[in-house]
N, C-alpha and C. Protein backbone atom coordinates (compact mmCIF):
# COMPACT_ATOMS: atom_id res chain seq x y z
N MET A 1 34.62 30.10 -33.06
CA MET A 1 33.78 30.61 -31.97
C MET A 1 32.59 29.69 -31.71
N ALA A 2 31.99 29.18 -32.81
CA ALA A 2 30.85 28.28 -32.66
C ALA A 2 31.27 27.00 -31.96
N LEU A 3 32.46 26.50 -32.30
CA LEU A 3 32.97 25.29 -31.67
C LEU A 3 33.22 25.51 -30.17
N ILE A 4 33.78 26.64 -29.83
CA ILE A 4 34.05 26.97 -28.43
C ILE A 4 32.75 27.11 -27.66
N ALA A 5 31.76 27.78 -28.28
CA ALA A 5 30.46 27.96 -27.63
C ALA A 5 29.77 26.61 -27.41
N GLY A 6 29.85 25.74 -28.43
CA GLY A 6 29.25 24.41 -28.29
C GLY A 6 29.92 23.59 -27.21
N LEU A 7 31.25 23.68 -27.15
CA LEU A 7 32.01 22.95 -26.13
C LEU A 7 31.67 23.47 -24.74
N ALA A 8 31.55 24.79 -24.62
CA ALA A 8 31.21 25.39 -23.32
C ALA A 8 29.83 24.94 -22.86
N LEU A 9 28.87 24.90 -23.80
CA LEU A 9 27.52 24.46 -23.46
C LEU A 9 27.52 23.00 -23.02
N TYR A 10 28.30 22.17 -23.73
CA TYR A 10 28.40 20.75 -23.37
C TYR A 10 28.97 20.58 -21.96
N VAL A 11 30.03 21.32 -21.65
CA VAL A 11 30.65 21.24 -20.33
C VAL A 11 29.68 21.66 -19.25
N ILE A 12 28.92 22.73 -19.49
CA ILE A 12 27.95 23.22 -18.51
C ILE A 12 26.86 22.19 -18.26
N LEU A 13 26.35 21.59 -19.34
CA LEU A 13 25.29 20.60 -19.19
C LEU A 13 25.78 19.35 -18.47
N GLU A 14 26.99 18.91 -18.78
CA GLU A 14 27.55 17.74 -18.10
C GLU A 14 27.84 18.03 -16.62
N LEU A 15 28.32 19.23 -16.35
CA LEU A 15 28.57 19.63 -14.97
C LEU A 15 27.27 19.67 -14.17
N ASP A 16 26.21 20.14 -14.82
CA ASP A 16 24.91 20.24 -14.15
C ASP A 16 24.36 18.87 -13.78
N ARG A 17 24.74 17.84 -14.53
CA ARG A 17 24.29 16.48 -14.25
C ARG A 17 25.28 15.68 -13.40
N SER A 18 26.38 16.27 -13.07
CA SER A 18 27.44 15.55 -12.36
C SER A 18 27.17 15.50 -10.86
N PRO A 19 27.79 14.56 -10.15
CA PRO A 19 27.64 14.49 -8.69
C PRO A 19 28.07 15.76 -7.98
N TYR A 20 28.90 16.58 -8.63
CA TYR A 20 29.32 17.85 -8.04
C TYR A 20 28.11 18.75 -7.78
N VAL A 21 27.09 18.63 -8.64
CA VAL A 21 25.88 19.43 -8.50
C VAL A 21 24.75 18.62 -7.87
N THR A 22 24.56 17.38 -8.32
CA THR A 22 23.42 16.57 -7.87
C THR A 22 23.68 15.83 -6.56
N TYR A 23 24.96 15.68 -6.18
CA TYR A 23 25.37 14.91 -5.00
C TYR A 23 25.02 13.43 -5.12
N GLU A 24 24.81 12.95 -6.35
CA GLU A 24 24.52 11.54 -6.55
C GLU A 24 25.67 10.68 -6.04
N LYS A 25 25.32 9.71 -5.19
CA LYS A 25 26.27 8.76 -4.57
C LYS A 25 27.24 9.45 -3.60
N VAL A 26 26.93 10.66 -3.18
CA VAL A 26 27.80 11.39 -2.25
C VAL A 26 27.11 11.46 -0.88
N ALA A 27 27.72 10.89 0.14
CA ALA A 27 27.15 10.94 1.49
C ALA A 27 27.31 12.34 2.06
N ARG A 28 26.25 12.84 2.70
CA ARG A 28 26.28 14.18 3.28
C ARG A 28 26.68 14.11 4.76
N PRO A 29 27.38 15.13 5.26
CA PRO A 29 27.69 15.16 6.70
C PRO A 29 26.41 15.36 7.51
N GLN A 30 26.31 14.67 8.63
CA GLN A 30 25.14 14.73 9.49
C GLN A 30 25.60 14.96 10.94
N PRO A 31 24.70 15.46 11.79
CA PRO A 31 25.07 15.67 13.20
C PRO A 31 25.41 14.36 13.91
N VAL A 32 24.81 13.26 13.46
CA VAL A 32 25.12 11.92 13.96
C VAL A 32 25.23 11.01 12.74
N PRO A 33 26.29 10.21 12.61
CA PRO A 33 26.44 9.35 11.43
C PRO A 33 25.48 8.16 11.47
N PHE A 34 24.22 8.42 11.19
CA PHE A 34 23.19 7.39 11.25
C PHE A 34 23.36 6.38 10.12
N SER A 35 23.36 5.10 10.44
CA SER A 35 23.55 4.04 9.45
C SER A 35 22.24 3.32 9.18
N HIS A 36 21.70 3.51 7.97
CA HIS A 36 20.52 2.73 7.57
C HIS A 36 20.88 1.25 7.44
N GLN A 37 22.10 0.98 7.02
CA GLN A 37 22.52 -0.41 6.87
C GLN A 37 22.39 -1.15 8.20
N HIS A 38 22.84 -0.53 9.26
CA HIS A 38 22.77 -1.15 10.59
C HIS A 38 21.33 -1.29 11.07
N HIS A 39 20.54 -0.22 10.92
CA HIS A 39 19.19 -0.22 11.49
C HIS A 39 18.20 -1.02 10.65
N VAL A 40 18.34 -0.94 9.32
CA VAL A 40 17.38 -1.62 8.44
C VAL A 40 17.78 -3.08 8.20
N ALA A 41 18.97 -3.28 7.67
CA ALA A 41 19.42 -4.65 7.36
C ALA A 41 19.84 -5.39 8.62
N GLY A 42 20.58 -4.72 9.49
CA GLY A 42 21.09 -5.39 10.68
C GLY A 42 20.01 -5.68 11.72
N LEU A 43 19.18 -4.68 12.01
CA LEU A 43 18.18 -4.82 13.07
C LEU A 43 16.77 -5.10 12.53
N GLY A 44 16.57 -4.94 11.23
CA GLY A 44 15.27 -5.26 10.64
C GLY A 44 14.19 -4.24 10.94
N ILE A 45 14.57 -2.98 11.18
CA ILE A 45 13.57 -1.95 11.48
C ILE A 45 12.87 -1.53 10.19
N ASP A 46 11.55 -1.53 10.21
CA ASP A 46 10.74 -1.14 9.06
C ASP A 46 10.86 0.37 8.82
N CYS A 47 10.83 0.77 7.55
CA CYS A 47 10.93 2.19 7.19
C CYS A 47 9.92 3.04 7.96
N ARG A 48 8.72 2.49 8.15
CA ARG A 48 7.62 3.28 8.73
C ARG A 48 7.78 3.52 10.22
N TYR A 49 8.71 2.82 10.88
CA TYR A 49 8.92 3.06 12.30
C TYR A 49 9.47 4.48 12.51
N CYS A 50 10.34 4.91 11.61
CA CYS A 50 10.92 6.26 11.71
C CYS A 50 10.18 7.25 10.80
N HIS A 51 9.87 6.81 9.60
CA HIS A 51 9.20 7.69 8.63
C HIS A 51 7.69 7.45 8.71
N THR A 52 7.10 7.95 9.77
CA THR A 52 5.74 7.57 10.16
C THR A 52 4.65 8.07 9.22
N SER A 53 4.90 9.15 8.50
CA SER A 53 3.84 9.74 7.68
C SER A 53 3.96 9.38 6.20
N VAL A 54 4.85 8.46 5.86
CA VAL A 54 5.13 8.20 4.46
C VAL A 54 3.92 7.65 3.70
N GLU A 55 3.00 6.97 4.40
CA GLU A 55 1.86 6.36 3.72
C GLU A 55 0.67 7.30 3.56
N ASN A 56 0.66 8.42 4.29
CA ASN A 56 -0.52 9.29 4.24
C ASN A 56 -0.19 10.77 4.12
N SER A 57 1.04 11.08 3.76
CA SER A 57 1.43 12.48 3.65
C SER A 57 2.40 12.66 2.50
N ASN A 58 2.50 13.90 2.02
CA ASN A 58 3.48 14.15 0.96
C ASN A 58 4.91 14.04 1.49
N PHE A 59 5.08 14.25 2.81
CA PHE A 59 6.41 14.21 3.43
C PHE A 59 6.57 12.92 4.21
N ALA A 60 7.68 12.22 4.01
CA ALA A 60 7.89 10.94 4.70
C ALA A 60 8.07 11.11 6.19
N GLY A 61 8.54 12.28 6.60
CA GLY A 61 8.75 12.54 8.02
C GLY A 61 10.15 12.22 8.48
N ILE A 62 10.71 13.09 9.30
CA ILE A 62 12.00 12.84 9.95
C ILE A 62 11.72 12.54 11.40
N PRO A 63 12.20 11.43 11.92
CA PRO A 63 11.82 11.02 13.28
C PRO A 63 12.29 12.01 14.33
N PRO A 64 11.46 12.27 15.34
CA PRO A 64 11.91 13.10 16.46
C PRO A 64 12.94 12.35 17.29
N THR A 65 13.66 13.08 18.10
CA THR A 65 14.70 12.46 18.94
C THR A 65 14.12 11.37 19.83
N LYS A 66 12.87 11.54 20.25
CA LYS A 66 12.23 10.55 21.11
C LYS A 66 12.21 9.17 20.46
N THR A 67 12.05 9.13 19.14
CA THR A 67 12.05 7.85 18.43
C THR A 67 13.41 7.17 18.57
N CYS A 68 14.48 7.93 18.46
CA CYS A 68 15.83 7.37 18.65
C CYS A 68 16.00 6.86 20.08
N MET A 69 15.47 7.64 21.02
CA MET A 69 15.67 7.31 22.43
C MET A 69 14.80 6.14 22.89
N ASN A 70 13.82 5.75 22.11
CA ASN A 70 13.06 4.54 22.46
C ASN A 70 14.00 3.35 22.64
N CYS A 71 15.03 3.32 21.81
CA CYS A 71 16.04 2.25 21.93
C CYS A 71 17.26 2.72 22.71
N HIS A 72 17.70 3.94 22.40
CA HIS A 72 19.00 4.37 22.92
C HIS A 72 18.95 4.90 24.35
N SER A 73 17.80 4.84 24.97
CA SER A 73 17.76 5.05 26.42
C SER A 73 18.10 3.75 27.14
N GLN A 74 18.20 2.65 26.34
CA GLN A 74 18.50 1.34 26.92
C GLN A 74 19.79 0.72 26.38
N ILE A 75 20.15 1.06 25.16
CA ILE A 75 21.38 0.50 24.58
C ILE A 75 22.26 1.65 24.09
N TRP A 76 23.55 1.44 24.15
CA TRP A 76 24.54 2.47 23.77
C TRP A 76 24.29 3.76 24.55
N THR A 77 23.94 3.63 25.81
CA THR A 77 23.50 4.79 26.60
C THR A 77 24.63 5.78 26.89
N ASN A 78 25.88 5.31 26.83
CA ASN A 78 27.01 6.20 27.13
C ASN A 78 27.91 6.42 25.92
N ALA A 79 27.49 5.98 24.76
CA ALA A 79 28.33 6.11 23.57
C ALA A 79 28.53 7.58 23.21
N ALA A 80 29.78 7.99 23.07
CA ALA A 80 30.09 9.38 22.72
C ALA A 80 29.47 9.77 21.38
N LEU A 81 29.39 8.79 20.49
CA LEU A 81 28.82 9.03 19.16
C LEU A 81 27.39 9.56 19.24
N LEU A 82 26.66 9.13 20.27
CA LEU A 82 25.24 9.48 20.39
C LEU A 82 24.98 10.64 21.35
N GLU A 83 26.02 11.32 21.79
CA GLU A 83 25.83 12.45 22.70
C GLU A 83 24.93 13.53 22.09
N PRO A 84 25.05 13.87 20.78
CA PRO A 84 24.12 14.85 20.22
C PRO A 84 22.65 14.43 20.34
N VAL A 85 22.39 13.12 20.25
CA VAL A 85 21.02 12.62 20.40
C VAL A 85 20.54 12.82 21.83
N ARG A 86 21.38 12.45 22.80
CA ARG A 86 21.01 12.60 24.20
C ARG A 86 20.84 14.07 24.57
N ASP A 87 21.71 14.92 24.04
CA ASP A 87 21.60 16.35 24.32
C ASP A 87 20.31 16.92 23.74
N SER A 88 19.95 16.48 22.55
CA SER A 88 18.70 16.92 21.94
C SER A 88 17.50 16.50 22.78
N PHE A 89 17.55 15.29 23.32
CA PHE A 89 16.46 14.79 24.14
C PHE A 89 16.36 15.56 25.46
N ARG A 90 17.53 15.88 26.05
CA ARG A 90 17.54 16.61 27.32
C ARG A 90 17.04 18.04 27.16
N THR A 91 17.47 18.69 26.09
CA THR A 91 17.19 20.12 25.93
C THR A 91 15.93 20.42 25.14
N GLY A 92 15.48 19.43 24.36
CA GLY A 92 14.31 19.67 23.51
C GLY A 92 14.65 20.38 22.21
N HIS A 93 15.95 20.56 21.94
CA HIS A 93 16.39 21.19 20.70
C HIS A 93 16.56 20.11 19.63
N SER A 94 15.86 20.26 18.54
CA SER A 94 15.89 19.24 17.49
C SER A 94 17.27 19.13 16.85
N LEU A 95 17.63 17.92 16.49
CA LEU A 95 18.82 17.71 15.67
C LEU A 95 18.56 18.29 14.28
N VAL A 96 19.54 18.95 13.73
CA VAL A 96 19.40 19.55 12.40
C VAL A 96 20.04 18.61 11.38
N TRP A 97 19.21 17.77 10.79
CA TRP A 97 19.70 16.82 9.80
C TRP A 97 19.84 17.49 8.43
N THR A 98 20.76 17.02 7.65
CA THR A 98 20.92 17.51 6.29
C THR A 98 20.04 16.69 5.36
N ARG A 99 19.13 17.37 4.64
CA ARG A 99 18.28 16.66 3.70
C ARG A 99 19.15 16.04 2.60
N VAL A 100 18.94 14.78 2.34
CA VAL A 100 19.72 14.08 1.31
C VAL A 100 18.95 14.08 0.00
N ASN A 101 17.76 13.50 0.01
CA ASN A 101 16.93 13.51 -1.20
C ASN A 101 16.07 14.77 -1.17
N ASP A 102 16.64 15.84 -1.65
CA ASP A 102 16.03 17.16 -1.52
C ASP A 102 15.70 17.72 -2.89
N LEU A 103 14.41 17.80 -3.21
CA LEU A 103 13.98 18.34 -4.49
C LEU A 103 13.86 19.86 -4.41
N PRO A 104 13.99 20.55 -5.54
CA PRO A 104 13.82 22.00 -5.54
C PRO A 104 12.41 22.40 -5.06
N ASP A 105 12.29 23.62 -4.56
CA ASP A 105 11.01 24.09 -4.03
C ASP A 105 9.91 24.16 -5.09
N TYR A 106 10.30 24.26 -6.36
CA TYR A 106 9.29 24.37 -7.42
C TYR A 106 8.78 23.01 -7.89
N VAL A 107 9.23 21.94 -7.23
CA VAL A 107 8.78 20.58 -7.58
C VAL A 107 7.87 20.06 -6.47
N TYR A 108 6.68 19.61 -6.85
CA TYR A 108 5.76 19.00 -5.88
C TYR A 108 5.92 17.49 -5.94
N PHE A 109 6.20 16.90 -4.79
CA PHE A 109 6.33 15.45 -4.70
C PHE A 109 5.53 14.96 -3.51
N ASN A 110 4.75 13.91 -3.72
CA ASN A 110 3.92 13.36 -2.65
C ASN A 110 4.31 11.90 -2.42
N HIS A 111 4.87 11.61 -1.25
CA HIS A 111 5.28 10.25 -0.93
C HIS A 111 4.09 9.29 -0.92
N SER A 112 2.98 9.70 -0.31
CA SER A 112 1.86 8.78 -0.13
C SER A 112 1.29 8.30 -1.46
N ILE A 113 1.27 9.18 -2.45
CA ILE A 113 0.76 8.78 -3.77
C ILE A 113 1.62 7.67 -4.35
N HIS A 114 2.92 7.84 -4.30
CA HIS A 114 3.82 6.85 -4.87
C HIS A 114 3.75 5.53 -4.10
N ILE A 115 3.69 5.60 -2.78
CA ILE A 115 3.60 4.39 -1.95
C ILE A 115 2.32 3.63 -2.28
N ASN A 116 1.21 4.34 -2.35
CA ASN A 116 -0.09 3.68 -2.55
C ASN A 116 -0.32 3.22 -3.99
N LYS A 117 0.50 3.70 -4.92
CA LYS A 117 0.42 3.22 -6.30
C LYS A 117 1.37 2.07 -6.56
N GLY A 118 2.20 1.71 -5.56
CA GLY A 118 3.06 0.55 -5.71
C GLY A 118 4.49 0.85 -6.11
N VAL A 119 4.97 2.04 -5.76
CA VAL A 119 6.38 2.37 -6.02
C VAL A 119 7.18 2.05 -4.78
N GLY A 120 8.14 1.16 -4.89
CA GLY A 120 8.93 0.73 -3.74
C GLY A 120 9.89 1.81 -3.27
N CYS A 121 10.21 1.79 -1.98
CA CYS A 121 11.14 2.77 -1.42
C CYS A 121 12.47 2.75 -2.17
N ASN A 122 13.00 1.56 -2.41
CA ASN A 122 14.32 1.49 -3.03
C ASN A 122 14.29 1.75 -4.54
N THR A 123 13.09 1.88 -5.13
CA THR A 123 13.02 2.28 -6.53
C THR A 123 13.60 3.68 -6.70
N CYS A 124 13.32 4.55 -5.75
CA CYS A 124 13.84 5.93 -5.81
C CYS A 124 15.08 6.11 -4.93
N HIS A 125 15.03 5.53 -3.73
CA HIS A 125 16.10 5.79 -2.76
C HIS A 125 17.27 4.82 -2.88
N GLY A 126 17.12 3.79 -3.68
CA GLY A 126 18.21 2.85 -3.86
C GLY A 126 18.33 1.87 -2.70
N PRO A 127 19.43 1.14 -2.63
CA PRO A 127 19.61 0.10 -1.61
C PRO A 127 19.92 0.71 -0.24
N VAL A 128 18.92 1.33 0.36
CA VAL A 128 19.09 2.03 1.63
C VAL A 128 19.63 1.09 2.70
N ASP A 129 19.20 -0.17 2.65
CA ASP A 129 19.64 -1.13 3.66
C ASP A 129 21.10 -1.52 3.51
N ARG A 130 21.77 -0.99 2.49
CA ARG A 130 23.19 -1.25 2.31
C ARG A 130 24.00 0.04 2.40
N MET A 131 23.40 1.09 2.92
CA MET A 131 24.07 2.38 3.01
C MET A 131 24.52 2.66 4.44
N PRO A 132 25.82 2.57 4.72
CA PRO A 132 26.30 2.96 6.04
C PRO A 132 26.00 4.43 6.32
N LEU A 133 26.11 5.26 5.30
CA LEU A 133 25.72 6.66 5.37
C LEU A 133 24.81 6.95 4.18
N MET A 134 23.78 7.73 4.41
CA MET A 134 22.77 7.96 3.37
C MET A 134 23.30 8.86 2.26
N TYR A 135 22.94 8.51 1.02
CA TYR A 135 23.31 9.34 -0.13
C TYR A 135 22.20 9.27 -1.18
N ASN A 136 22.21 10.23 -2.10
CA ASN A 136 21.29 10.18 -3.24
C ASN A 136 21.65 8.99 -4.10
N ASN A 137 20.67 8.14 -4.38
CA ASN A 137 20.95 7.02 -5.27
C ASN A 137 20.88 7.43 -6.74
N ALA A 138 20.21 8.55 -7.01
CA ALA A 138 20.04 9.01 -8.39
C ALA A 138 20.21 10.52 -8.44
N SER A 139 20.17 11.06 -9.62
CA SER A 139 20.41 12.49 -9.79
C SER A 139 19.24 13.35 -9.30
N LEU A 140 18.03 12.76 -9.27
CA LEU A 140 16.78 13.48 -8.93
C LEU A 140 16.46 14.56 -9.96
N ARG A 141 17.06 14.45 -11.13
CA ARG A 141 16.75 15.41 -12.19
C ARG A 141 15.41 15.07 -12.81
N MET A 142 14.83 16.02 -13.51
CA MET A 142 13.52 15.85 -14.14
C MET A 142 13.52 14.66 -15.10
N GLU A 143 14.60 14.48 -15.84
CA GLU A 143 14.66 13.39 -16.81
C GLU A 143 14.59 12.03 -16.11
N TRP A 144 15.14 11.97 -14.89
CA TRP A 144 15.10 10.72 -14.11
C TRP A 144 13.67 10.42 -13.67
N CYS A 145 12.94 11.44 -13.20
CA CYS A 145 11.54 11.25 -12.81
C CYS A 145 10.69 10.83 -14.01
N LEU A 146 10.92 11.48 -15.15
CA LEU A 146 10.11 11.21 -16.33
C LEU A 146 10.33 9.80 -16.87
N ASP A 147 11.49 9.24 -16.64
CA ASP A 147 11.75 7.87 -17.08
C ASP A 147 10.73 6.91 -16.48
N CYS A 148 10.37 7.13 -15.22
CA CYS A 148 9.37 6.30 -14.56
C CYS A 148 7.96 6.71 -14.97
N HIS A 149 7.69 8.00 -15.03
CA HIS A 149 6.34 8.48 -15.35
C HIS A 149 5.92 8.12 -16.77
N ARG A 150 6.88 7.98 -17.65
CA ARG A 150 6.56 7.62 -19.05
C ARG A 150 6.31 6.13 -19.21
N ALA A 151 6.83 5.32 -18.28
CA ALA A 151 6.64 3.86 -18.36
C ALA A 151 6.55 3.28 -16.96
N PRO A 152 5.48 3.61 -16.21
CA PRO A 152 5.38 3.14 -14.82
C PRO A 152 5.31 1.62 -14.69
N ASP A 153 4.89 0.94 -15.75
CA ASP A 153 4.78 -0.52 -15.67
C ASP A 153 6.13 -1.20 -15.45
N LYS A 154 7.23 -0.48 -15.72
CA LYS A 154 8.55 -1.06 -15.51
C LYS A 154 8.95 -1.10 -14.04
N TYR A 155 8.20 -0.37 -13.20
CA TYR A 155 8.66 -0.17 -11.82
C TYR A 155 7.66 -0.60 -10.73
N LEU A 156 6.38 -0.69 -11.07
CA LEU A 156 5.39 -0.94 -10.03
C LEU A 156 5.51 -2.33 -9.44
N ARG A 157 5.11 -2.45 -8.18
CA ARG A 157 5.11 -3.74 -7.48
C ARG A 157 3.86 -3.82 -6.62
N PRO A 158 3.49 -5.00 -6.12
CA PRO A 158 2.34 -5.11 -5.22
C PRO A 158 2.55 -4.24 -3.98
N ARG A 159 1.46 -3.70 -3.46
CA ARG A 159 1.56 -2.78 -2.32
C ARG A 159 2.21 -3.43 -1.11
N ASP A 160 2.00 -4.72 -0.93
CA ASP A 160 2.59 -5.36 0.25
C ASP A 160 4.10 -5.58 0.11
N GLN A 161 4.66 -5.19 -1.05
CA GLN A 161 6.10 -5.32 -1.28
C GLN A 161 6.81 -3.97 -1.35
N VAL A 162 6.06 -2.90 -1.14
CA VAL A 162 6.63 -1.55 -1.28
C VAL A 162 7.81 -1.33 -0.34
N PHE A 163 7.71 -1.85 0.90
CA PHE A 163 8.76 -1.62 1.89
C PHE A 163 9.77 -2.76 1.97
N ASN A 164 9.66 -3.69 1.04
CA ASN A 164 10.60 -4.81 0.98
C ASN A 164 11.85 -4.37 0.21
N MET A 165 12.95 -4.18 0.92
CA MET A 165 14.16 -3.67 0.30
C MET A 165 14.84 -4.68 -0.61
N ARG A 166 14.47 -5.95 -0.49
CA ARG A 166 15.08 -7.00 -1.31
C ARG A 166 14.09 -7.58 -2.32
N TYR A 167 13.07 -6.80 -2.65
CA TYR A 167 12.06 -7.25 -3.63
C TYR A 167 12.71 -7.54 -4.98
N GLN A 168 12.32 -8.66 -5.59
CA GLN A 168 12.80 -9.04 -6.91
C GLN A 168 11.64 -9.02 -7.90
N GLN A 169 11.83 -8.40 -9.04
CA GLN A 169 10.80 -8.40 -10.07
C GLN A 169 10.57 -9.82 -10.57
N PRO A 170 9.33 -10.13 -10.98
CA PRO A 170 9.03 -11.50 -11.39
C PRO A 170 9.80 -11.93 -12.64
N SER A 171 10.07 -13.21 -12.71
CA SER A 171 10.77 -13.78 -13.86
C SER A 171 10.28 -15.21 -14.03
N ASN A 172 10.72 -15.86 -15.09
CA ASN A 172 10.36 -17.26 -15.29
C ASN A 172 10.87 -18.13 -14.15
N ASP A 173 12.04 -17.80 -13.63
CA ASP A 173 12.62 -18.57 -12.53
C ASP A 173 11.98 -18.23 -11.19
N GLN A 174 11.42 -17.01 -11.09
CA GLN A 174 10.83 -16.57 -9.83
C GLN A 174 9.51 -15.86 -10.12
N PRO A 175 8.46 -16.61 -10.46
CA PRO A 175 7.16 -15.99 -10.75
C PRO A 175 6.55 -15.39 -9.50
N LEU A 176 5.63 -14.46 -9.71
CA LEU A 176 4.96 -13.79 -8.60
C LEU A 176 3.46 -14.07 -8.71
N SER A 177 2.87 -14.53 -7.63
CA SER A 177 1.43 -14.80 -7.60
C SER A 177 0.70 -13.64 -6.97
N LEU A 178 -0.35 -13.18 -7.63
CA LEU A 178 -1.13 -12.05 -7.13
C LEU A 178 -2.57 -12.17 -7.62
N ASP A 179 -3.49 -12.12 -6.68
CA ASP A 179 -4.92 -12.18 -7.01
C ASP A 179 -5.26 -13.39 -7.86
N GLY A 180 -4.63 -14.52 -7.55
CA GLY A 180 -4.93 -15.74 -8.27
C GLY A 180 -4.27 -15.84 -9.64
N GLN A 181 -3.42 -14.88 -9.97
CA GLN A 181 -2.71 -14.92 -11.24
C GLN A 181 -1.21 -15.07 -10.99
N GLU A 182 -0.53 -15.62 -11.98
CA GLU A 182 0.92 -15.78 -11.88
C GLU A 182 1.59 -14.93 -12.94
N PHE A 183 2.55 -14.11 -12.51
CA PHE A 183 3.25 -13.21 -13.41
C PHE A 183 4.72 -13.63 -13.50
N THR A 184 5.22 -13.68 -14.73
CA THR A 184 6.61 -14.10 -14.93
C THR A 184 7.46 -13.01 -15.56
N ASP A 185 6.90 -11.82 -15.76
CA ASP A 185 7.70 -10.70 -16.25
C ASP A 185 7.13 -9.40 -15.70
N GLN A 186 8.00 -8.40 -15.56
CA GLN A 186 7.64 -7.15 -14.89
C GLN A 186 6.63 -6.34 -15.69
N ARG A 187 6.75 -6.28 -17.00
CA ARG A 187 5.87 -5.42 -17.79
C ARG A 187 4.43 -5.89 -17.70
N THR A 188 4.21 -7.22 -17.71
CA THR A 188 2.85 -7.75 -17.58
C THR A 188 2.29 -7.44 -16.20
N LEU A 189 3.11 -7.64 -15.17
CA LEU A 189 2.70 -7.30 -13.81
C LEU A 189 2.40 -5.81 -13.70
N GLY A 190 3.29 -4.99 -14.25
CA GLY A 190 3.11 -3.54 -14.16
C GLY A 190 1.83 -3.08 -14.81
N LYS A 191 1.50 -3.63 -15.96
CA LYS A 191 0.27 -3.24 -16.66
C LYS A 191 -0.96 -3.66 -15.86
N TYR A 192 -0.86 -4.81 -15.20
CA TYR A 192 -1.96 -5.24 -14.33
C TYR A 192 -2.11 -4.29 -13.14
N LEU A 193 -0.99 -3.88 -12.56
CA LEU A 193 -1.04 -3.00 -11.38
C LEU A 193 -1.49 -1.59 -11.74
N ILE A 194 -1.23 -1.16 -12.97
CA ILE A 194 -1.73 0.15 -13.41
C ILE A 194 -3.25 0.18 -13.31
N GLN A 195 -3.88 -0.92 -13.73
CA GLN A 195 -5.34 -1.01 -13.63
C GLN A 195 -5.79 -1.20 -12.19
N LYS A 196 -5.11 -2.08 -11.47
CA LYS A 196 -5.50 -2.39 -10.10
C LYS A 196 -5.38 -1.19 -9.17
N HIS A 197 -4.32 -0.39 -9.35
CA HIS A 197 -4.06 0.75 -8.48
C HIS A 197 -4.63 2.06 -9.02
N ASN A 198 -5.36 1.95 -10.15
CA ASN A 198 -6.02 3.12 -10.73
C ASN A 198 -5.06 4.27 -11.03
N LEU A 199 -3.97 3.94 -11.71
CA LEU A 199 -3.04 4.99 -12.10
C LEU A 199 -3.66 5.89 -13.16
N ARG A 200 -3.32 7.15 -13.10
CA ARG A 200 -3.72 8.08 -14.15
C ARG A 200 -2.95 7.74 -15.43
N THR A 201 -3.39 8.31 -16.53
CA THR A 201 -2.75 8.02 -17.81
C THR A 201 -1.35 8.61 -17.85
N VAL A 202 -0.53 8.09 -18.76
CA VAL A 202 0.82 8.61 -18.93
C VAL A 202 0.77 10.09 -19.30
N ALA A 203 -0.21 10.48 -20.11
CA ALA A 203 -0.35 11.89 -20.49
C ALA A 203 -0.58 12.76 -19.24
N ASP A 204 -1.34 12.24 -18.30
CA ASP A 204 -1.61 13.01 -17.07
C ASP A 204 -0.37 13.13 -16.20
N ILE A 205 0.30 12.00 -15.97
CA ILE A 205 1.42 12.04 -15.02
C ILE A 205 2.70 12.60 -15.60
N THR A 206 2.69 12.88 -16.91
CA THR A 206 3.82 13.60 -17.50
C THR A 206 3.46 15.04 -17.83
N SER A 207 2.26 15.44 -17.43
CA SER A 207 1.85 16.84 -17.62
C SER A 207 2.65 17.74 -16.68
N CYS A 208 3.02 18.90 -17.15
CA CYS A 208 3.83 19.84 -16.34
C CYS A 208 3.19 20.12 -14.98
N SER A 209 1.85 20.29 -14.98
CA SER A 209 1.16 20.70 -13.75
C SER A 209 1.11 19.60 -12.70
N THR A 210 1.46 18.36 -13.06
CA THR A 210 1.48 17.29 -12.08
C THR A 210 2.56 17.53 -11.02
N CYS A 211 3.71 17.97 -11.44
CA CYS A 211 4.83 18.18 -10.53
C CYS A 211 5.16 19.65 -10.28
N HIS A 212 4.74 20.51 -11.18
CA HIS A 212 5.03 21.95 -11.04
C HIS A 212 3.71 22.67 -10.85
N ARG A 213 3.38 22.96 -9.59
CA ARG A 213 2.07 23.54 -9.26
C ARG A 213 2.20 24.97 -8.76
């Protein structure tokens, strides 16, 4: 009985971490099959053009239909694929997008804090510029968040590189110059940025009340 109970617990825990529950690497159906790969990598559109509040709000923002129509009133004007966009613009009824990176309601997450502390978009969202359809790049489980909060120096980058989807961490072959200093490894750069960006202590950012308010 103990063996069966242990096996059942193991199966439940593994299922809870599986893509069946977390939707990791699973593209969600959307009213329009929007391709970040095409718009970001192909056309070079900056994240902030659509996600306008990402630098100063807890929510990155979902662009209104008008943002889509800034371009699509001039190109692909008769494409059947974009009829839901045109209908939304004509009627004023918002498109109902499916949230992809969706945290539980009991988790507080602030985009602007992470952006201003030097956390790159693709650190959490993955290679968005290579996604024909958007999907969770990670499980978004608490253990995944804590991996970064326990050692932020492994992930931080200069603020002017936050929106660079092809950012490379410094190495001996590719050093990074910042504030008159040259960095050849990520941990040294990260520790410098912790001071420069005034990060709170690891004890603070791993405290329960930081994310569960």
